[in-house]
C-alpha cells in the first residue's frame, strides 16, 4: 500500500514537471494542478493540448 502511494506521488511530481516545462516552451500559462480535484483524464488532456499547441507553432513557424 505504501509503495502505491509513493508511485502516485512520483507520477504527480513528474506530471507537474512536464506541464511546467511546456509552460516554459510556450506563451501559455499552466496553472498548478490539484490532484484531488482533477482527474487523470483532465490532466492527460491538458498535456495533450500543450503538446499539440507546440507542434502547431513549430509547423506554422
N, C-alpha and C. Protein backbone atom coordinates (compact mmCIF):
# COMPACT_ATOMS: atom_id res chain seq x y z
N UNK A 1 0.83 -1.20 0.00
CA UNK A 1 0.00 0.00 0.00
C UNK A 1 0.87 1.26 0.00
N UNK A 2 1.89 1.25 0.80
CA UNK A 2 2.80 2.40 0.88
C UNK A 2 3.53 2.61 -0.44
N UNK A 3 3.88 1.52 -1.13
CA UNK A 3 4.56 1.64 -2.42
C UNK A 3 3.65 2.29 -3.46
N UNK A 4 2.38 1.97 -3.43
CA UNK A 4 1.43 2.58 -4.37
C UNK A 4 1.34 4.08 -4.13
N UNK A 5 1.34 4.49 -2.89
CA UNK A 5 1.28 5.91 -2.55
C UNK A 5 2.53 6.64 -3.04
N UNK A 6 3.69 6.01 -2.88
CA UNK A 6 4.95 6.59 -3.34
C UNK A 6 4.96 6.71 -4.86
N UNK A 7 4.51 5.66 -5.56
CA UNK A 7 4.44 5.71 -7.04
C UNK A 7 3.50 6.82 -7.50
N UNK A 8 2.38 6.97 -6.83
CA UNK A 8 1.42 8.02 -7.19
C UNK A 8 2.04 9.40 -7.00
N UNK A 9 2.74 9.60 -5.90
CA UNK A 9 3.39 10.89 -5.64
C UNK A 9 4.46 11.19 -6.69
N UNK A 10 5.23 10.17 -7.07
CA UNK A 10 6.25 10.36 -8.11
C UNK A 10 5.62 10.70 -9.45
N UNK A 11 4.50 10.04 -9.78
CA UNK A 11 3.81 10.31 -11.04
C UNK A 11 3.25 11.73 -11.05
N UNK A 12 2.66 12.15 -9.93
CA UNK A 12 2.13 13.51 -9.84
C UNK A 12 3.24 14.54 -9.99
N UNK A 13 4.36 14.29 -9.36
CA UNK A 13 5.50 15.22 -9.46
C UNK A 13 5.99 15.30 -10.91
N UNK A 14 6.07 14.17 -11.59
CA UNK A 14 6.53 14.15 -12.98
C UNK A 14 5.55 14.88 -13.90
N UNK A 15 4.26 14.69 -13.68
CA UNK A 15 3.26 15.38 -14.49
C UNK A 15 3.40 16.89 -14.34
N UNK A 16 3.59 17.36 -13.12
CA UNK A 16 3.77 18.80 -12.90
C UNK A 16 5.04 19.30 -13.57
N UNK A 17 6.11 18.50 -13.53
CA UNK A 17 7.35 18.89 -14.21
C UNK A 17 7.12 19.04 -15.71
N UNK A 18 6.38 18.10 -16.29
CA UNK A 18 6.08 18.16 -17.73
C UNK A 18 5.28 19.42 -18.06
N UNK A 19 4.24 19.68 -17.27
CA UNK A 19 3.42 20.86 -17.52
C UNK A 19 4.23 22.14 -17.39
N UNK A 20 5.09 22.21 -16.39
CA UNK A 20 5.90 23.42 -16.21
C UNK A 20 6.90 23.59 -17.35
N UNK A 21 7.46 22.49 -17.85
CA UNK A 21 8.40 22.62 -18.97
C UNK A 21 7.66 23.05 -20.23
N UNK A 22 6.43 22.57 -20.41
CA UNK A 22 5.63 23.01 -21.55
C UNK A 22 5.30 24.49 -21.43
N UNK A 23 5.06 24.94 -20.22
CA UNK A 23 4.76 26.35 -19.99
C UNK A 23 5.96 27.21 -20.39
N UNK A 24 7.16 26.75 -20.08
CA UNK A 24 8.37 27.49 -20.43
C UNK A 24 8.56 27.56 -21.94
N UNK A 25 8.10 26.54 -22.66
CA UNK A 25 8.29 26.47 -24.11
C UNK A 25 7.21 27.20 -24.90
N UNK A 26 6.17 27.65 -24.24
CA UNK A 26 5.07 28.31 -24.95
C UNK A 26 4.72 29.61 -24.25
N UNK A 27 3.82 30.35 -24.85
CA UNK A 27 3.32 31.55 -24.18
C UNK A 27 2.06 31.25 -23.38
N UNK A 28 1.73 29.98 -23.26
CA UNK A 28 0.56 29.58 -22.50
C UNK A 28 0.90 29.51 -21.02
N UNK A 29 -0.10 29.70 -20.20
CA UNK A 29 0.11 29.66 -18.77
C UNK A 29 -0.48 28.37 -18.20
N UNK A 30 0.33 27.65 -17.49
CA UNK A 30 -0.10 26.40 -16.87
C UNK A 30 -0.37 26.68 -15.40
N UNK A 31 -1.56 26.34 -14.95
CA UNK A 31 -1.86 26.52 -13.54
C UNK A 31 -1.50 25.25 -12.79
N UNK A 32 -1.23 25.41 -11.52
CA UNK A 32 -0.93 24.24 -10.70
C UNK A 32 -2.15 23.34 -10.63
N UNK A 33 -1.91 22.08 -10.72
CA UNK A 33 -3.00 21.10 -10.69
C UNK A 33 -3.13 20.55 -9.28
N UNK A 34 -4.34 20.50 -8.80
CA UNK A 34 -4.61 19.87 -7.52
C UNK A 34 -5.11 18.47 -7.84
N UNK A 35 -4.29 17.47 -7.52
CA UNK A 35 -4.58 16.11 -7.95
C UNK A 35 -5.85 15.54 -7.33
N UNK A 36 -6.29 16.06 -6.21
CA UNK A 36 -7.54 15.58 -5.64
C UNK A 36 -8.75 16.11 -6.39
N UNK A 37 -8.57 17.22 -7.12
CA UNK A 37 -9.68 17.87 -7.81
C UNK A 37 -9.73 17.56 -9.30
N UNK A 38 -8.63 17.16 -9.89
CA UNK A 38 -8.57 16.93 -11.33
C UNK A 38 -8.35 15.44 -11.60
N UNK A 39 -9.12 14.93 -12.54
CA UNK A 39 -8.97 13.52 -12.90
C UNK A 39 -7.74 13.33 -13.77
N UNK A 40 -7.29 12.10 -13.87
CA UNK A 40 -6.15 11.78 -14.74
C UNK A 40 -6.50 12.14 -16.18
N UNK A 41 -7.75 11.95 -16.58
CA UNK A 41 -8.16 12.30 -17.94
C UNK A 41 -8.02 13.80 -18.19
N UNK A 42 -8.39 14.62 -17.22
CA UNK A 42 -8.24 16.07 -17.37
C UNK A 42 -6.77 16.46 -17.47
N UNK A 43 -5.94 15.85 -16.65
CA UNK A 43 -4.51 16.14 -16.66
C UNK A 43 -3.90 15.69 -17.99
N UNK A 44 -4.26 14.49 -18.43
CA UNK A 44 -3.75 13.98 -19.71
C UNK A 44 -4.21 14.86 -20.86
N UNK A 45 -5.44 15.32 -20.80
CA UNK A 45 -5.95 16.22 -21.83
C UNK A 45 -5.18 17.52 -21.88
N UNK A 46 -4.84 18.05 -20.71
CA UNK A 46 -4.06 19.30 -20.67
C UNK A 46 -2.69 19.10 -21.29
N UNK A 47 -2.05 17.99 -20.96
CA UNK A 47 -0.73 17.71 -21.53
C UNK A 47 -0.83 17.57 -23.05
N UNK A 48 -1.83 16.83 -23.53
CA UNK A 48 -2.01 16.65 -24.97
C UNK A 48 -2.27 17.99 -25.66
N UNK A 49 -3.05 18.87 -25.04
CA UNK A 49 -3.32 20.18 -25.61
C UNK A 49 -2.03 20.98 -25.76
N UNK A 50 -1.21 21.00 -24.75
CA UNK A 50 0.03 21.76 -24.82
C UNK A 50 0.99 21.17 -25.86
N UNK A 51 1.05 19.85 -25.93
CA UNK A 51 1.91 19.22 -26.94
C UNK A 51 1.43 19.56 -28.34
N UNK A 52 0.11 19.54 -28.56
CA UNK A 52 -0.45 19.88 -29.87
C UNK A 52 -0.14 21.34 -30.20
N UNK A 53 -0.29 22.21 -29.23
CA UNK A 53 -0.01 23.63 -29.44
C UNK A 53 1.45 23.85 -29.86
N UNK A 54 2.36 23.16 -29.21
CA UNK A 54 3.78 23.28 -29.55
C UNK A 54 4.02 22.79 -30.98
N UNK A 55 3.46 21.63 -31.34
CA UNK A 55 3.64 21.10 -32.69
C UNK A 55 3.10 22.05 -33.75
N UNK A 56 1.93 22.61 -33.51
CA UNK A 56 1.34 23.54 -34.46
C UNK A 56 2.20 24.79 -34.63
N UNK A 57 2.70 25.30 -33.53
CA UNK A 57 3.55 26.50 -33.61
C UNK A 57 4.84 26.21 -34.37
N UNK A 58 5.38 25.02 -34.18
CA UNK A 58 6.61 24.65 -34.89
C UNK A 58 6.34 24.51 -36.38
N UNK A 59 5.20 23.93 -36.74
CA UNK A 59 4.86 23.73 -38.15
C UNK A 59 4.52 25.04 -38.85
N UNK A 60 3.86 25.93 -38.13
CA UNK A 60 3.44 27.20 -38.73
C UNK A 60 4.52 28.28 -38.66
N UNK A 61 5.55 27.99 -37.90
CA UNK A 61 6.66 28.94 -37.82
C UNK A 61 6.44 29.88 -36.72
